[in-house]
Amino acid sequence: MRTQTGQHYRFTNATYNGDIAPGASEAFGFNVAGTGTPVNCTVNGRPC
């Protein structure tokens, strides 16, 4: 699920995809467009 506040976006689990089995992994990706450099970008609290 994506929410937006101004130019900031937050992605969280949708109700149908939130469970991952122990020891399993999952990938997440997104595409962006623009000419600027991301500012204050974080993934799980770490800088992009």
PDB file of N, CA and C in Angstrom:
ATOM      1  N   MET A   1       0.851  -1.163   0.000  1.00  0.00           N
ATOM      2  CA  MET A   1       0.000   0.000   0.000  1.00  0.00           C
ATOM      3  C   MET A   1       0.901   1.231   0.000  1.00  0.00           C
ATOM      4  N   ARG A   2       0.544   2.238  -0.769  1.00  0.00           N
ATOM      5  CA  ARG A   2       1.322   3.461  -0.850  1.00  0.00           C
ATOM      6  C   ARG A   2       0.500   4.617  -0.307  1.00  0.00           C
ATOM      7  N   THR A   3       1.116   5.403   0.573  1.00  0.00           N
ATOM      8  CA  THR A   3       0.502   6.642   1.032  1.00  0.00           C
ATOM      9  C   THR A   3       1.452   7.786   0.695  1.00  0.00           C
ATOM     10  N   GLN A   4       0.906   8.966   0.535  1.00  0.00           N
ATOM     11  CA  GLN A   4       1.704  10.121   0.132  1.00  0.00           C
ATOM     12  C   GLN A   4       1.398  11.300   1.032  1.00  0.00           C
ATOM     13  N   THR A   5       2.464  11.990   1.452  1.00  0.00           N
ATOM     14  CA  THR A   5       2.366  13.255   2.167  1.00  0.00           C
ATOM     15  C   THR A   5       3.284  14.226   1.450  1.00  0.00           C
ATOM     16  N   GLY A   6       2.719  15.156   0.717  1.00  0.00           N
ATOM     17  CA  GLY A   6       3.539  16.053  -0.090  1.00  0.00           C
ATOM     18  C   GLY A   6       4.311  15.257  -1.119  1.00  0.00           C
ATOM     19  N   GLN A   7       5.642  15.384  -1.108  1.00  0.00           N
ATOM     20  CA  GLN A   7       6.482  14.636  -2.032  1.00  0.00           C
ATOM     21  C   GLN A   7       7.079  13.386  -1.396  1.00  0.00           C
ATOM     22  N   HIS A   8       6.622  13.011  -0.207  1.00  0.00           N
ATOM     23  CA  HIS A   8       7.115  11.823   0.475  1.00  0.00           C
ATOM     24  C   HIS A   8       6.114  10.684   0.327  1.00  0.00           C
ATOM     25  N   TYR A   9       6.640   9.491   0.078  1.00  0.00           N
ATOM     26  CA  TYR A   9       5.812   8.304  -0.101  1.00  0.00           C
ATOM     27  C   TYR A   9       6.205   7.258   0.930  1.00  0.00           C
ATOM     28  N   ARG A  10       5.230   6.520   1.399  1.00  0.00           N
ATOM     29  CA  ARG A  10       5.465   5.438   2.353  1.00  0.00           C
ATOM     30  C   ARG A  10       4.771   4.191   1.823  1.00  0.00           C
ATOM     31  N   PHE A  11       5.502   3.087   1.824  1.00  0.00           N
ATOM     32  CA  PHE A  11       4.968   1.821   1.337  1.00  0.00           C
ATOM     33  C   PHE A  11       4.863   0.844   2.498  1.00  0.00           C
ATOM     34  N   THR A  12       3.716   0.213   2.639  1.00  0.00           N
ATOM     35  CA  THR A  12       3.490  -0.779   3.683  1.00  0.00           C
ATOM     36  C   THR A  12       2.790  -1.980   3.070  1.00  0.00           C
ATOM     37  N   ASN A  13       2.717  -3.068   3.832  1.00  0.00           N
ATOM     38  CA  ASN A  13       2.058  -4.278   3.361  1.00  0.00           C
ATOM     39  C   ASN A  13       0.594  -4.018   3.060  1.00  0.00           C
ATOM     40  N   ALA A  14       0.125  -4.638   1.993  1.00  0.00           N
ATOM     41  CA  ALA A  14      -1.314  -4.673   1.753  1.00  0.00           C
ATOM     42  C   ALA A  14      -1.883  -5.801   2.619  1.00  0.00           C
ATOM     43  N   THR A  15      -3.177  -5.814   2.832  1.00  0.00           N
ATOM     44  CA  THR A  15      -3.772  -6.834   3.703  1.00  0.00           C
ATOM     45  C   THR A  15      -3.553  -8.242   3.183  1.00  0.00           C
ATOM     46  N   TYR A  16      -3.353  -8.410   1.876  1.00  0.00           N
ATOM     47  CA  TYR A  16      -3.220  -9.747   1.292  1.00  0.00           C
ATOM     48  C   TYR A  16      -1.768 -10.202   1.139  1.00  0.00           C
ATOM     49  N   ASN A  17      -0.756  -9.383   1.476  1.00  0.00           N
ATOM     50  CA  ASN A  17       0.627  -9.804   1.227  1.00  0.00           C
ATOM     51  C   ASN A  17       1.579  -9.541   2.392  1.00  0.00           C
ATOM     52  N   GLY A  18       1.097  -9.477   3.582  1.00  0.00           N
ATOM     53  CA  GLY A  18       1.944  -9.100   4.707  1.00  0.00           C
ATOM     54  C   GLY A  18       2.725 -10.210   5.363  1.00  0.00           C
ATOM     55  N   ASP A  19       2.399 -11.472   5.079  1.00  0.00           N
ATOM     56  CA  ASP A  19       3.064 -12.578   5.761  1.00  0.00           C
ATOM     57  C   ASP A  19       4.183 -13.164   4.907  1.00  0.00           C
ATOM     58  N   ILE A  20       5.356 -13.346   5.511  1.00  0.00           N
ATOM     59  CA  ILE A  20       6.489 -14.016   4.877  1.00  0.00           C
ATOM     60  C   ILE A  20       6.923 -15.116   5.830  1.00  0.00           C
ATOM     61  N   ALA A  21       7.087 -16.316   5.311  1.00  0.00           N
ATOM     62  CA  ALA A  21       7.446 -17.465   6.145  1.00  0.00           C
ATOM     63  C   ALA A  21       8.822 -17.268   6.777  1.00  0.00           C
ATOM     64  N   PRO A  22       9.036 -17.846   7.971  1.00  0.00           N
ATOM     65  CA  PRO A  22      10.357 -17.764   8.608  1.00  0.00           C
ATOM     66  C   PRO A  22      11.436 -18.298   7.665  1.00  0.00           C
ATOM     67  N   GLY A  23      12.530 -17.571   7.547  1.00  0.00           N
ATOM     68  CA  GLY A  23      13.633 -17.975   6.686  1.00  0.00           C
ATOM     69  C   GLY A  23      13.450 -17.595   5.226  1.00  0.00           C
ATOM     70  N   ALA A  24      12.270 -17.112   4.864  1.00  0.00           N
ATOM     71  CA  ALA A  24      12.008 -16.711   3.482  1.00  0.00           C
ATOM     72  C   ALA A  24      12.473 -15.282   3.266  1.00  0.00           C
ATOM     73  N   SER A  25      12.534 -14.866   2.017  1.00  0.00           N
ATOM     74  CA  SER A  25      12.890 -13.484   1.712  1.00  0.00           C
ATOM     75  C   SER A  25      11.913 -12.944   0.687  1.00  0.00           C
ATOM     76  N   GLU A  26      11.913 -11.656   0.564  1.00  0.00           N
ATOM     77  CA  GLU A  26      11.019 -10.983  -0.378  1.00  0.00           C
ATOM     78  C   GLU A  26      11.770  -9.797  -0.955  1.00  0.00           C
ATOM     79  N   ALA A  27      11.430  -9.408  -2.156  1.00  0.00           N
ATOM     80  CA  ALA A  27      12.059  -8.265  -2.814  1.00  0.00           C
ATOM     81  C   ALA A  27      11.016  -7.177  -3.041  1.00  0.00           C
ATOM     82  N   PHE A  28      11.481  -5.958  -3.048  1.00  0.00           N
ATOM     83  CA  PHE A  28      10.607  -4.812  -3.269  1.00  0.00           C
ATOM     84  C   PHE A  28      11.339  -3.849  -4.193  1.00  0.00           C
ATOM     85  N   GLY A  29      10.642  -3.319  -5.156  1.00  0.00           N
ATOM     86  CA  GLY A  29      11.253  -2.356  -6.052  1.00  0.00           C
ATOM     87  C   GLY A  29      10.249  -1.298  -6.451  1.00  0.00           C
ATOM     88  N   PHE A  30      10.746  -0.189  -6.910  1.00  0.00           N
ATOM     89  CA  PHE A  30       9.874   0.866  -7.409  1.00  0.00           C
ATOM     90  C   PHE A  30      10.652   1.695  -8.417  1.00  0.00           C
ATOM     91  N   ASN A  31       9.960   2.284  -9.343  1.00  0.00           N
ATOM     92  CA  ASN A  31      10.556   3.134 -10.360  1.00  0.00           C
ATOM     93  C   ASN A  31      10.227   4.588 -10.070  1.00  0.00           C
ATOM     94  N   VAL A  32      11.199   5.431 -10.276  1.00  0.00           N
ATOM     95  CA  VAL A  32      10.992   6.859 -10.085  1.00  0.00           C
ATOM     96  C   VAL A  32      11.439   7.601 -11.337  1.00  0.00           C
ATOM     97  N   ALA A  33      10.977   8.811 -11.484  1.00  0.00           N
ATOM     98  CA  ALA A  33      11.384   9.639 -12.612  1.00  0.00           C
ATOM     99  C   ALA A  33      11.592  11.061 -12.128  1.00  0.00           C
ATOM    100  N   GLY A  34      12.499  11.740 -12.725  1.00  0.00           N
ATOM    101  CA  GLY A  34      12.758  13.123 -12.372  1.00  0.00           C
ATOM    102  C   GLY A  34      14.217  13.461 -12.592  1.00  0.00           C
ATOM    103  N   THR A  35      14.565  14.687 -12.343  1.00  0.00           N
ATOM    104  CA  THR A  35      15.931  15.132 -12.582  1.00  0.00           C
ATOM    105  C   THR A  35      16.702  15.410 -11.302  1.00  0.00           C
ATOM    106  N   GLY A  36      16.062  15.330 -10.164  1.00  0.00           N
ATOM    107  CA  GLY A  36      16.724  15.641  -8.901  1.00  0.00           C
ATOM    108  C   GLY A  36      17.285  14.413  -8.214  1.00  0.00           C
ATOM    109  N   THR A  37      18.027  14.635  -7.156  1.00  0.00           N
ATOM    110  CA  THR A  37      18.562  13.572  -6.325  1.00  0.00           C
ATOM    111  C   THR A  37      17.617  13.381  -5.146  1.00  0.00           C
ATOM    112  N   PRO A  38      17.286  12.119  -4.789  1.00  0.00           N
ATOM    113  CA  PRO A  38      16.395  11.902  -3.643  1.00  0.00           C
ATOM    114  C   PRO A  38      16.970  12.527  -2.370  1.00  0.00           C
ATOM    115  N   VAL A  39      16.109  13.130  -1.589  1.00  0.00           N
ATOM    116  CA  VAL A  39      16.505  13.757  -0.330  1.00  0.00           C
ATOM    117  C   VAL A  39      15.752  13.058   0.795  1.00  0.00           C
ATOM    118  N   ASN A  40      16.444  12.702   1.862  1.00  0.00           N
ATOM    119  CA  ASN A  40      15.854  12.032   3.022  1.00  0.00           C
ATOM    120  C   ASN A  40      15.198  10.711   2.658  1.00  0.00           C
ATOM    121  N   CYS A  41      15.748  10.002   1.677  1.00  0.00           N
ATOM    122  CA  CYS A  41      15.222   8.700   1.270  1.00  0.00           C
ATOM    123  C   CYS A  41      15.704   7.650   2.270  1.00  0.00           C
ATOM    124  N   THR A  42      14.772   6.846   2.787  1.00  0.00           N
ATOM    125  CA  THR A  42      15.143   5.759   3.681  1.00  0.00           C
ATOM    126  C   THR A  42      14.369   4.490   3.320  1.00  0.00           C
ATOM    127  N   VAL A  43      14.981   3.361   3.613  1.00  0.00           N
ATOM    128  CA  VAL A  43      14.348   2.053   3.488  1.00  0.00           C
ATOM    129  C   VAL A  43      14.584   1.354   4.821  1.00  0.00           C
ATOM    130  N   ASN A  44      13.502   1.045   5.523  1.00  0.00           N
ATOM    131  CA  ASN A  44      13.598   0.482   6.872  1.00  0.00           C
ATOM    132  C   ASN A  44      14.485   1.332   7.773  1.00  0.00           C
ATOM    133  N   GLY A  45      14.380   2.644   7.641  1.00  0.00           N
ATOM    134  CA  GLY A  45      15.116   3.557   8.492  1.00  0.00           C
ATOM    135  C   GLY A  45      16.550   3.809   8.076  1.00  0.00           C
ATOM    136  N   ARG A  46      17.021   3.173   6.998  1.00  0.00           N
ATOM    137  CA  ARG A  46      18.394   3.362   6.533  1.00  0.00           C
ATOM    138  C   ARG A  46      18.388   4.180   5.249  1.00  0.00           C
ATOM    139  N   PRO A  47      19.433   4.999   5.049  1.00  0.00           N
ATOM    140  CA  PRO A  47      19.497   5.819   3.826  1.00  0.00           C
ATOM    141  C   PRO A  47      19.477   4.953   2.563  1.00  0.00           C
ATOM    142  N   CYS A  48      18.917   5.490   1.507  1.00  0.00           N
ATOM    143  CA  CYS A  48      18.904   4.789   0.209  1.00  0.00           C
ATOM    144  C   CYS A  48      20.269   4.811  -0.420  1.00  0.00           C
TER     145      CYS A  48
END
